[in-house]
Amino acid sequence: LKFSTETADLSNPVSAMSTLDGWSTTQAIQIVPVTSSGIQVQAPAAAEFAASVAPLYLLELSFDSAALRPNGVKKVLTYGVDFVVAAAAGKLNLVPLKPLNPSSYYMIVATDSLKDSSGNAVKAGNDYGNYKNNVGSNAQEQTINGLIALQEGLFKAATGVSTDHVIFSDWFGTQSGADVLV
């Protein structure tokens, strides 16, 4: 990504961040759920992750470098062992308890088991729901629909959870580099 505030001077934080080739292996991953009524989404309790459909999933993916997309799930990470979820300022933070693997790919999946502070199930955003449920009328929309179908298919194959429960999915790469000291 290139930002208008970017310069060649790496003392500029935006410029320095733009040199990274992936997400941090130790930094929390923020999700900002928005409800139509402005109700906050609380961090799920630990017991909710033991249900047949957990509210959030973090999965390590295998990746097809030629096709530039994930092609399988290496591991479904375990809540309380590999990551926890904490709420802060209206955001949900997926916090790795041990570093994620460098030069690897991960997927976050949110399900309708995620609840707002009133106890109501959080639903997919309009854009995600539209692209998930409609093939689209142009190449860009069809590509987005295909990526969502791929992500949700990998999720279902790894967890057995129906894609009907998925309200959000996205994948990301971690930065390359040396092992992290812990």
N, C-alpha and C. Protein backbone atom coordinates (compact mmCIF):
# COMPACT_ATOMS: atom_id res chain seq x y z
N LEU A 1 0.84 -1.18 0.00
CA LEU A 1 0.00 0.00 0.00
C LEU A 1 0.88 1.24 0.00
N LYS A 2 0.41 2.23 -0.65
CA LYS A 2 1.09 3.52 -0.64
C LYS A 2 0.12 4.57 -0.13
N PHE A 3 0.58 5.37 0.82
CA PHE A 3 -0.25 6.41 1.41
C PHE A 3 0.30 7.77 1.00
N SER A 4 -0.56 8.77 0.97
CA SER A 4 -0.14 10.11 0.56
C SER A 4 0.86 10.72 1.53
N THR A 5 0.92 10.22 2.75
CA THR A 5 1.85 10.75 3.75
C THR A 5 3.19 10.03 3.74
N GLU A 6 3.36 9.09 2.83
CA GLU A 6 4.57 8.29 2.77
C GLU A 6 5.73 9.06 2.15
N THR A 7 6.92 8.89 2.70
CA THR A 7 8.13 9.50 2.17
C THR A 7 9.23 8.43 2.16
N ALA A 8 10.40 8.78 1.65
CA ALA A 8 11.54 7.86 1.68
C ALA A 8 12.17 7.80 3.06
N ASP A 9 11.81 8.72 3.92
CA ASP A 9 12.37 8.81 5.27
C ASP A 9 11.70 7.78 6.18
N LEU A 10 12.44 6.75 6.57
CA LEU A 10 11.86 5.68 7.39
C LEU A 10 11.63 6.08 8.84
N SER A 11 12.01 7.30 9.23
CA SER A 11 11.62 7.78 10.55
C SER A 11 10.13 8.17 10.56
N ASN A 12 9.54 8.31 9.38
CA ASN A 12 8.10 8.52 9.24
C ASN A 12 7.43 7.17 9.47
N PRO A 13 6.62 7.02 10.53
CA PRO A 13 6.02 5.71 10.84
C PRO A 13 5.21 5.11 9.69
N VAL A 14 4.49 5.93 8.94
CA VAL A 14 3.71 5.41 7.81
C VAL A 14 4.64 4.83 6.75
N SER A 15 5.74 5.51 6.47
CA SER A 15 6.71 5.00 5.49
C SER A 15 7.35 3.71 5.98
N ALA A 16 7.72 3.68 7.25
CA ALA A 16 8.35 2.48 7.81
C ALA A 16 7.39 1.29 7.77
N MET A 17 6.13 1.51 8.14
CA MET A 17 5.14 0.41 8.12
C MET A 17 4.91 -0.11 6.71
N SER A 18 5.03 0.75 5.71
CA SER A 18 4.78 0.34 4.34
C SER A 18 5.86 -0.59 3.80
N THR A 19 6.99 -0.71 4.50
CA THR A 19 8.04 -1.60 4.04
C THR A 19 7.82 -3.04 4.50
N LEU A 20 6.87 -3.25 5.40
CA LEU A 20 6.60 -4.60 5.89
C LEU A 20 5.91 -5.43 4.82
N ASP A 21 6.19 -6.72 4.80
CA ASP A 21 5.60 -7.59 3.78
C ASP A 21 4.46 -8.44 4.32
N GLY A 22 3.97 -8.13 5.51
CA GLY A 22 2.86 -8.89 6.07
C GLY A 22 2.52 -8.39 7.46
N TRP A 23 1.54 -9.06 8.06
CA TRP A 23 1.08 -8.71 9.40
C TRP A 23 2.10 -9.18 10.43
N SER A 24 2.19 -8.48 11.54
CA SER A 24 3.06 -8.88 12.64
C SER A 24 2.69 -10.28 13.13
N THR A 25 3.69 -11.02 13.57
CA THR A 25 3.44 -12.36 14.10
C THR A 25 3.01 -12.33 15.56
N THR A 26 3.11 -11.16 16.20
CA THR A 26 2.76 -11.06 17.62
C THR A 26 1.69 -10.01 17.92
N GLN A 27 1.41 -9.12 17.00
CA GLN A 27 0.46 -8.03 17.23
C GLN A 27 -0.98 -8.54 17.21
N ALA A 28 -1.82 -7.98 18.07
CA ALA A 28 -3.24 -8.32 18.07
C ALA A 28 -3.88 -7.94 16.73
N ILE A 29 -4.88 -8.69 16.35
CA ILE A 29 -5.63 -8.44 15.12
C ILE A 29 -6.96 -7.84 15.54
N GLN A 30 -7.25 -6.64 15.07
CA GLN A 30 -8.48 -5.96 15.48
C GLN A 30 -9.61 -6.20 14.50
N ILE A 31 -10.78 -6.46 15.06
CA ILE A 31 -12.02 -6.52 14.30
C ILE A 31 -12.92 -5.45 14.90
N VAL A 32 -13.53 -4.66 14.05
CA VAL A 32 -14.40 -3.58 14.52
C VAL A 32 -15.83 -3.89 14.09
N PRO A 33 -16.57 -4.62 14.93
CA PRO A 33 -17.96 -4.92 14.58
C PRO A 33 -18.83 -3.67 14.73
N VAL A 34 -19.70 -3.45 13.77
CA VAL A 34 -20.59 -2.31 13.81
C VAL A 34 -22.02 -2.82 13.73
N THR A 35 -22.85 -2.37 14.65
CA THR A 35 -24.26 -2.74 14.61
C THR A 35 -25.06 -1.52 14.16
N SER A 36 -26.20 -1.77 13.54
CA SER A 36 -27.01 -0.67 13.00
C SER A 36 -27.48 0.28 14.09
N SER A 37 -27.65 -0.22 15.28
CA SER A 37 -28.13 0.64 16.37
C SER A 37 -26.99 1.19 17.22
N GLY A 38 -25.75 0.88 16.85
CA GLY A 38 -24.61 1.37 17.60
C GLY A 38 -24.32 0.59 18.87
N ILE A 39 -24.98 -0.54 19.08
CA ILE A 39 -24.75 -1.37 20.25
C ILE A 39 -23.36 -2.00 20.13
N GLN A 40 -22.64 -2.05 21.23
CA GLN A 40 -21.29 -2.62 21.25
C GLN A 40 -21.32 -4.15 21.16
N VAL A 41 -20.26 -4.71 20.62
CA VAL A 41 -20.08 -6.16 20.61
C VAL A 41 -19.03 -6.48 21.65
N GLN A 42 -19.39 -7.31 22.61
CA GLN A 42 -18.51 -7.67 23.71
C GLN A 42 -17.61 -8.83 23.31
N ALA A 43 -16.48 -8.96 23.98
CA ALA A 43 -15.61 -10.12 23.76
C ALA A 43 -16.35 -11.36 24.24
N PRO A 44 -16.38 -12.41 23.44
CA PRO A 44 -17.05 -13.64 23.86
C PRO A 44 -16.38 -14.24 25.09
N ALA A 45 -17.16 -14.88 25.93
CA ALA A 45 -16.63 -15.58 27.10
C ALA A 45 -15.92 -16.85 26.64
N ALA A 46 -14.96 -17.30 27.42
CA ALA A 46 -14.19 -18.50 27.07
C ALA A 46 -15.10 -19.70 26.80
N ALA A 47 -16.16 -19.85 27.57
CA ALA A 47 -17.07 -20.99 27.40
C ALA A 47 -17.72 -21.00 26.02
N GLU A 48 -17.90 -19.83 25.40
CA GLU A 48 -18.53 -19.76 24.08
C GLU A 48 -17.67 -20.42 23.00
N PHE A 49 -16.37 -20.49 23.23
CA PHE A 49 -15.48 -21.10 22.25
C PHE A 49 -15.54 -22.63 22.30
N ALA A 50 -16.17 -23.18 23.33
CA ALA A 50 -16.33 -24.63 23.44
C ALA A 50 -17.62 -25.10 22.78
N ALA A 51 -18.47 -24.18 22.34
CA ALA A 51 -19.74 -24.54 21.70
C ALA A 51 -19.48 -25.18 20.33
N SER A 52 -20.50 -25.82 19.78
CA SER A 52 -20.35 -26.47 18.48
C SER A 52 -20.03 -25.46 17.38
N VAL A 53 -20.50 -24.23 17.54
CA VAL A 53 -20.14 -23.13 16.63
C VAL A 53 -19.58 -22.01 17.49
N ALA A 54 -18.26 -21.83 17.44
CA ALA A 54 -17.62 -20.77 18.22
C ALA A 54 -17.88 -19.42 17.56
N PRO A 55 -17.76 -18.33 18.31
CA PRO A 55 -18.00 -17.02 17.72
C PRO A 55 -16.91 -16.56 16.75
N LEU A 56 -15.67 -16.91 17.03
CA LEU A 56 -14.54 -16.51 16.20
C LEU A 56 -13.58 -17.68 16.03
N TYR A 57 -12.99 -17.75 14.86
CA TYR A 57 -12.00 -18.79 14.56
C TYR A 57 -10.76 -18.13 13.98
N LEU A 58 -9.61 -18.72 14.26
CA LEU A 58 -8.35 -18.34 13.65
C LEU A 58 -7.73 -19.62 13.12
N LEU A 59 -7.46 -19.64 11.81
CA LEU A 59 -6.96 -20.85 11.15
C LEU A 59 -5.67 -20.54 10.41
N GLU A 60 -4.70 -21.45 10.49
CA GLU A 60 -3.49 -21.32 9.68
C GLU A 60 -3.77 -22.03 8.36
N LEU A 61 -3.41 -21.37 7.26
CA LEU A 61 -3.71 -21.87 5.93
C LEU A 61 -2.48 -22.39 5.21
N SER A 62 -2.69 -23.32 4.30
CA SER A 62 -1.66 -23.63 3.31
C SER A 62 -1.96 -22.72 2.11
N PHE A 63 -0.93 -22.40 1.34
CA PHE A 63 -1.08 -21.37 0.31
C PHE A 63 -0.49 -21.83 -1.00
N ASP A 64 -1.22 -21.62 -2.07
CA ASP A 64 -0.76 -21.93 -3.42
C ASP A 64 -0.12 -20.66 -3.99
N SER A 65 1.21 -20.61 -4.01
CA SER A 65 1.91 -19.41 -4.46
C SER A 65 1.68 -19.11 -5.93
N ALA A 66 1.48 -20.13 -6.73
CA ALA A 66 1.24 -19.91 -8.16
C ALA A 66 -0.13 -19.27 -8.39
N ALA A 67 -1.14 -19.74 -7.67
CA ALA A 67 -2.50 -19.21 -7.83
C ALA A 67 -2.75 -17.99 -6.94
N LEU A 68 -1.82 -17.72 -6.02
CA LEU A 68 -1.94 -16.59 -5.08
C LEU A 68 -3.21 -16.65 -4.25
N ARG A 69 -3.48 -17.84 -3.71
CA ARG A 69 -4.65 -17.99 -2.84
C ARG A 69 -4.47 -19.21 -1.95
N PRO A 70 -5.20 -19.23 -0.83
CA PRO A 70 -5.11 -20.40 0.06
C PRO A 70 -5.71 -21.63 -0.60
N ASN A 71 -5.16 -22.80 -0.24
CA ASN A 71 -5.69 -24.04 -0.83
C ASN A 71 -5.95 -25.12 0.22
N GLY A 72 -5.87 -24.79 1.49
CA GLY A 72 -6.14 -25.76 2.53
C GLY A 72 -5.94 -25.14 3.91
N VAL A 73 -6.30 -25.89 4.92
CA VAL A 73 -6.11 -25.45 6.30
C VAL A 73 -5.09 -26.36 6.95
N LYS A 74 -4.00 -25.78 7.44
CA LYS A 74 -2.98 -26.54 8.16
C LYS A 74 -3.43 -26.84 9.58
N LYS A 75 -4.06 -25.83 10.21
CA LYS A 75 -4.39 -25.98 11.63
C LYS A 75 -5.50 -25.00 12.00
N VAL A 76 -6.45 -25.49 12.79
CA VAL A 76 -7.44 -24.62 13.42
C VAL A 76 -6.86 -24.26 14.79
N LEU A 77 -6.55 -22.99 14.99
CA LEU A 77 -5.95 -22.58 16.25
C LEU A 77 -6.97 -22.66 17.38
N THR A 78 -6.48 -22.93 18.58
CA THR A 78 -7.34 -23.18 19.73
C THR A 78 -7.41 -21.97 20.64
N TYR A 79 -8.65 -21.58 20.97
CA TYR A 79 -8.86 -20.47 21.90
C TYR A 79 -8.28 -20.86 23.27
N GLY A 80 -7.58 -19.93 23.90
CA GLY A 80 -7.00 -20.17 25.21
C GLY A 80 -5.64 -20.83 25.17
N VAL A 81 -5.29 -21.42 24.04
CA VAL A 81 -3.97 -22.04 23.86
C VAL A 81 -3.15 -21.21 22.87
N ASP A 82 -3.76 -20.92 21.72
CA ASP A 82 -3.08 -20.18 20.66
C ASP A 82 -3.45 -18.69 20.63
N PHE A 83 -4.66 -18.36 21.05
CA PHE A 83 -5.11 -16.97 21.03
C PHE A 83 -6.22 -16.76 22.05
N VAL A 84 -6.45 -15.49 22.39
CA VAL A 84 -7.60 -15.09 23.20
C VAL A 84 -8.23 -13.89 22.50
N VAL A 85 -9.42 -13.50 22.97
CA VAL A 85 -10.11 -12.34 22.41
C VAL A 85 -10.40 -11.37 23.55
N ALA A 86 -10.03 -10.12 23.35
CA ALA A 86 -10.29 -9.08 24.35
C ALA A 86 -10.99 -7.91 23.65
N ALA A 87 -11.88 -7.27 24.36
CA ALA A 87 -12.58 -6.09 23.83
C ALA A 87 -11.94 -4.83 24.38
N ALA A 88 -11.85 -3.81 23.52
CA ALA A 88 -11.33 -2.51 23.95
C ALA A 88 -11.85 -1.45 22.99
N ALA A 89 -12.48 -0.44 23.53
CA ALA A 89 -12.94 0.71 22.75
C ALA A 89 -13.78 0.31 21.53
N GLY A 90 -14.69 -0.63 21.72
CA GLY A 90 -15.57 -1.04 20.64
C GLY A 90 -14.95 -1.98 19.62
N LYS A 91 -13.75 -2.44 19.89
CA LYS A 91 -13.04 -3.34 18.98
C LYS A 91 -12.83 -4.68 19.65
N LEU A 92 -12.79 -5.74 18.85
CA LEU A 92 -12.41 -7.06 19.34
C LEU A 92 -10.97 -7.30 18.90
N ASN A 93 -10.13 -7.68 19.83
CA ASN A 93 -8.73 -7.95 19.54
C ASN A 93 -8.46 -9.44 19.68
N LEU A 94 -8.07 -10.08 18.58
CA LEU A 94 -7.60 -11.47 18.63
C LEU A 94 -6.12 -11.39 18.95
N VAL A 95 -5.76 -11.85 20.14
CA VAL A 95 -4.40 -11.70 20.64
C VAL A 95 -3.69 -13.05 20.60
N PRO A 96 -2.64 -13.18 19.78
CA PRO A 96 -1.89 -14.44 19.78
C PRO A 96 -1.21 -14.65 21.13
N LEU A 97 -1.32 -15.86 21.67
CA LEU A 97 -0.64 -16.19 22.93
C LEU A 97 0.78 -16.67 22.67
N LYS A 98 1.05 -17.06 21.45
CA LYS A 98 2.40 -17.37 21.00
C LYS A 98 2.51 -16.82 19.58
N PRO A 99 3.71 -16.50 19.13
CA PRO A 99 3.83 -15.88 17.81
C PRO A 99 3.24 -16.76 16.71
N LEU A 100 2.59 -16.09 15.76
CA LEU A 100 2.15 -16.78 14.55
C LEU A 100 3.40 -17.10 13.73
N ASN A 101 3.31 -18.07 12.86
CA ASN A 101 4.46 -18.44 12.05
C ASN A 101 4.76 -17.35 11.03
N PRO A 102 6.05 -16.98 10.87
CA PRO A 102 6.38 -15.97 9.86
C PRO A 102 6.19 -16.54 8.45
N SER A 103 5.99 -15.66 7.50
CA SER A 103 5.81 -16.04 6.09
C SER A 103 4.71 -17.08 5.93
N SER A 104 3.64 -16.91 6.69
CA SER A 104 2.53 -17.86 6.67
C SER A 104 1.23 -17.11 6.43
N TYR A 105 0.16 -17.87 6.25
CA TYR A 105 -1.15 -17.27 5.98
C TYR A 105 -2.16 -17.77 7.00
N TYR A 106 -3.03 -16.86 7.43
CA TYR A 106 -4.04 -17.15 8.44
C TYR A 106 -5.38 -16.61 7.98
N MET A 107 -6.45 -17.19 8.50
CA MET A 107 -7.79 -16.72 8.19
C MET A 107 -8.55 -16.50 9.48
N ILE A 108 -9.28 -15.40 9.53
CA ILE A 108 -10.19 -15.10 10.63
C ILE A 108 -11.60 -15.37 10.12
N VAL A 109 -12.39 -16.06 10.93
CA VAL A 109 -13.79 -16.30 10.59
C VAL A 109 -14.64 -15.91 11.79
N ALA A 110 -15.65 -15.09 11.55
CA ALA A 110 -16.63 -14.74 12.58
C ALA A 110 -17.94 -15.43 12.22
N THR A 111 -18.64 -15.91 13.24
CA THR A 111 -19.91 -16.60 13.00
C THR A 111 -21.05 -15.87 13.70
N ASP A 112 -22.26 -16.33 13.40
CA ASP A 112 -23.44 -15.73 14.03
C ASP A 112 -23.58 -16.11 15.50
N SER A 113 -22.61 -16.82 16.05
CA SER A 113 -22.57 -17.05 17.50
C SER A 113 -22.01 -15.84 18.24
N LEU A 114 -21.43 -14.91 17.49
CA LEU A 114 -20.95 -13.66 18.08
C LEU A 114 -22.18 -12.81 18.44
N LYS A 115 -22.21 -12.32 19.67
CA LYS A 115 -23.39 -11.59 20.17
C LYS A 115 -23.05 -10.14 20.50
N ASP A 116 -24.06 -9.29 20.37
CA ASP A 116 -23.88 -7.91 20.81
C ASP A 116 -24.20 -7.82 22.30
N SER A 117 -24.06 -6.63 22.86
CA SER A 117 -24.25 -6.47 24.30
C SER A 117 -25.69 -6.69 24.74
N SER A 118 -26.62 -6.75 23.79
CA SER A 118 -28.03 -7.07 24.10
C SER A 118 -28.33 -8.55 23.96
N GLY A 119 -27.31 -9.34 23.57
CA GLY A 119 -27.49 -10.78 23.42
C GLY A 119 -27.98 -11.21 22.06
N ASN A 120 -28.06 -10.28 21.11
CA ASN A 120 -28.51 -10.61 19.75
C ASN A 120 -27.33 -11.06 18.89
N ALA A 121 -27.59 -12.01 18.01
CA ALA A 121 -26.55 -12.48 17.09
C ALA A 121 -26.13 -11.35 16.16
N VAL A 122 -24.82 -11.21 15.96
CA VAL A 122 -24.31 -10.24 15.00
C VAL A 122 -24.49 -10.85 13.61
N LYS A 123 -24.91 -10.03 12.67
CA LYS A 123 -25.16 -10.50 11.31
C LYS A 123 -24.06 -9.99 10.38
N ALA A 124 -23.96 -10.60 9.22
CA ALA A 124 -23.00 -10.17 8.22
C ALA A 124 -23.30 -8.74 7.80
N GLY A 125 -22.26 -7.97 7.50
CA GLY A 125 -22.45 -6.64 6.94
C GLY A 125 -23.09 -6.74 5.57
N ASN A 126 -23.70 -5.65 5.12
CA ASN A 126 -24.39 -5.66 3.83
C ASN A 126 -23.49 -6.09 2.68
N ASP A 127 -22.27 -5.53 2.61
CA ASP A 127 -21.38 -5.88 1.51
C ASP A 127 -21.00 -7.35 1.55
N TYR A 128 -20.57 -7.83 2.72
CA TYR A 128 -20.16 -9.23 2.81
C TYR A 128 -21.33 -10.15 2.45
N GLY A 129 -22.50 -9.88 3.01
CA GLY A 129 -23.68 -10.70 2.72
C GLY A 129 -24.05 -10.68 1.26
N ASN A 130 -23.97 -9.51 0.63
CA ASN A 130 -24.31 -9.39 -0.79
C ASN A 130 -23.33 -10.18 -1.65
N TYR A 131 -22.03 -10.00 -1.41
CA TYR A 131 -21.03 -10.72 -2.21
C TYR A 131 -21.07 -12.22 -1.94
N LYS A 132 -21.40 -12.60 -0.73
CA LYS A 132 -21.48 -14.03 -0.38
C LYS A 132 -22.64 -14.70 -1.12
N ASN A 133 -23.76 -14.02 -1.20
CA ASN A 133 -24.99 -14.63 -1.70
C ASN A 133 -25.28 -14.38 -3.17
N ASN A 134 -24.50 -13.51 -3.83
CA ASN A 134 -24.74 -13.20 -5.24
C ASN A 134 -23.46 -13.35 -6.03
N VAL A 135 -23.53 -14.10 -7.12
CA VAL A 135 -22.35 -14.33 -7.95
C VAL A 135 -21.83 -13.02 -8.52
N GLY A 136 -22.70 -12.08 -8.81
CA GLY A 136 -22.28 -10.78 -9.33
C GLY A 136 -22.48 -10.67 -10.82
N SER A 137 -22.47 -9.43 -11.29
CA SER A 137 -22.73 -9.17 -12.70
C SER A 137 -21.48 -8.76 -13.47
N ASN A 138 -20.35 -8.61 -12.78
CA ASN A 138 -19.11 -8.26 -13.48
C ASN A 138 -17.96 -9.06 -12.89
N ALA A 139 -16.81 -8.97 -13.53
CA ALA A 139 -15.66 -9.78 -13.13
C ALA A 139 -15.22 -9.50 -11.70
N GLN A 140 -15.24 -8.25 -11.28
CA GLN A 140 -14.81 -7.92 -9.92
C GLN A 140 -15.74 -8.54 -8.89
N GLU A 141 -17.04 -8.41 -9.07
CA GLU A 141 -18.00 -8.99 -8.13
C GLU A 141 -17.90 -10.52 -8.12
N GLN A 142 -17.68 -11.11 -9.29
CA GLN A 142 -17.56 -12.57 -9.37
C GLN A 142 -16.29 -13.05 -8.67
N THR A 143 -15.22 -12.27 -8.77
CA THR A 143 -13.97 -12.62 -8.08
C THR A 143 -14.17 -12.56 -6.56
N ILE A 144 -14.82 -11.52 -6.08
CA ILE A 144 -15.06 -11.39 -4.64
C ILE A 144 -15.93 -12.54 -4.15
N ASN A 145 -16.99 -12.86 -4.88
CA ASN A 145 -17.86 -13.98 -4.52
C ASN A 145 -17.06 -15.28 -4.48
N GLY A 146 -16.18 -15.48 -5.46
CA GLY A 146 -15.36 -16.68 -5.50
C GLY A 146 -14.40 -16.79 -4.33
N LEU A 147 -13.81 -15.66 -3.93
CA LEU A 147 -12.89 -15.67 -2.79
C LEU A 147 -13.63 -15.97 -1.49
N ILE A 148 -14.82 -15.39 -1.33
CA ILE A 148 -15.61 -15.69 -0.13
C ILE A 148 -15.99 -17.17 -0.11
N ALA A 149 -16.42 -17.69 -1.26
CA ALA A 149 -16.79 -19.11 -1.33
C ALA A 149 -15.58 -20.00 -1.02
N LEU A 150 -14.40 -19.64 -1.52
CA LEU A 150 -13.18 -20.39 -1.24
C LEU A 150 -12.88 -20.37 0.26
N GLN A 151 -12.88 -19.19 0.86
CA GLN A 151 -12.58 -19.07 2.29
C GLN A 151 -13.57 -19.88 3.12
N GLU A 152 -14.84 -19.72 2.83
CA GLU A 152 -15.85 -20.41 3.62
C GLU A 152 -15.81 -21.92 3.38
N GLY A 153 -15.46 -22.33 2.17
CA GLY A 153 -15.31 -23.76 1.89
C GLY A 153 -14.16 -24.37 2.67
N LEU A 154 -13.03 -23.66 2.75
CA LEU A 154 -11.89 -24.14 3.54
C LEU A 154 -12.26 -24.22 5.01
N PHE A 155 -13.00 -23.22 5.49
CA PHE A 155 -13.45 -23.20 6.88
C PHE A 155 -14.34 -24.40 7.17
N LYS A 156 -15.32 -24.65 6.32
CA LYS A 156 -16.24 -25.77 6.54
C LYS A 156 -15.50 -27.10 6.50
N ALA A 157 -14.57 -27.25 5.56
CA ALA A 157 -13.82 -28.51 5.45
C ALA A 157 -12.99 -28.76 6.71
N ALA A 158 -12.47 -27.69 7.33
CA ALA A 158 -11.60 -27.85 8.50
C ALA A 158 -12.37 -28.00 9.80
N THR A 159 -13.57 -27.41 9.88
CA THR A 159 -14.29 -27.37 11.15
C THR A 159 -15.60 -28.16 11.15
N GLY A 160 -16.15 -28.41 9.97
CA GLY A 160 -17.45 -29.06 9.87
C GLY A 160 -18.61 -28.11 10.13
N VAL A 161 -18.32 -26.83 10.36
CA VAL A 161 -19.36 -25.84 10.63
C VAL A 161 -19.94 -25.34 9.31
N SER A 162 -21.26 -25.32 9.21
CA SER A 162 -21.94 -24.86 8.00
C SER A 162 -21.58 -23.41 7.70
N THR A 163 -21.41 -23.12 6.42
CA THR A 163 -21.12 -21.74 6.02
C THR A 163 -22.31 -20.81 6.25
N ASP A 164 -23.48 -21.36 6.53
CA ASP A 164 -24.64 -20.53 6.87
C ASP A 164 -24.37 -19.71 8.13
N HIS A 165 -23.46 -20.18 8.99
CA HIS A 165 -23.14 -19.48 10.24
C HIS A 165 -22.12 -18.36 10.04
N VAL A 166 -21.41 -18.35 8.91
CA VAL A 166 -20.31 -17.40 8.71
C VAL A 166 -20.86 -16.01 8.39
N ILE A 167 -20.41 -15.02 9.16
CA ILE A 167 -20.80 -13.63 8.91
C ILE A 167 -19.63 -12.79 8.41
N PHE A 168 -18.41 -13.32 8.49
CA PHE A 168 -17.23 -12.62 8.01
C PHE A 168 -16.09 -13.61 7.90
N SER A 169 -15.29 -13.47 6.84
CA SER A 169 -14.06 -14.24 6.72
C SER A 169 -13.05 -13.40 5.95
N ASP A 170 -11.80 -13.53 6.30
CA ASP A 170 -10.74 -12.84 5.59
C ASP A 170 -9.42 -13.52 5.92
N TRP A 171 -8.48 -13.47 5.01
CA TRP A 171 -7.17 -14.07 5.25
C TRP A 171 -6.09 -13.02 5.07
N PHE A 172 -4.94 -13.29 5.69
CA PHE A 172 -3.82 -12.36 5.66
C PHE A 172 -2.52 -13.14 5.76
N GLY A 173 -1.44 -12.52 5.29
CA GLY A 173 -0.11 -13.11 5.40
C GLY A 173 0.65 -12.46 6.53
N THR A 174 1.53 -13.22 7.16
CA THR A 174 2.40 -12.67 8.20
C THR A 174 3.73 -12.27 7.58
N GLN A 175 4.39 -11.33 8.23
CA GLN A 175 5.65 -10.84 7.69
C GLN A 175 6.72 -11.92 7.73
N SER A 176 7.63 -11.81 6.78
CA SER A 176 8.76 -12.73 6.78
C SER A 176 9.77 -12.23 7.80
N GLY A 177 10.73 -13.03 8.09
CA GLY A 177 11.75 -12.60 9.04
C GLY A 177 12.19 -13.73 9.92
N ALA A 178 13.03 -13.37 10.83
CA ALA A 178 13.61 -14.35 11.75
C ALA A 178 12.59 -14.76 12.80
N ASP A 179 12.93 -15.80 13.55
CA ASP A 179 12.08 -16.25 14.64
C ASP A 179 11.92 -15.14 15.68
N VAL A 180 10.79 -15.15 16.35
CA VAL A 180 10.47 -14.15 17.36
C VAL A 180 10.96 -14.65 18.72
N LEU A 181 11.58 -13.77 19.48
CA LEU A 181 12.01 -14.12 20.84
C LEU A 181 10.81 -14.02 21.77
N VAL A 182 10.59 -15.04 22.56
CA VAL A 182 9.49 -15.00 23.54
C VAL A 182 10.01 -15.38 24.91
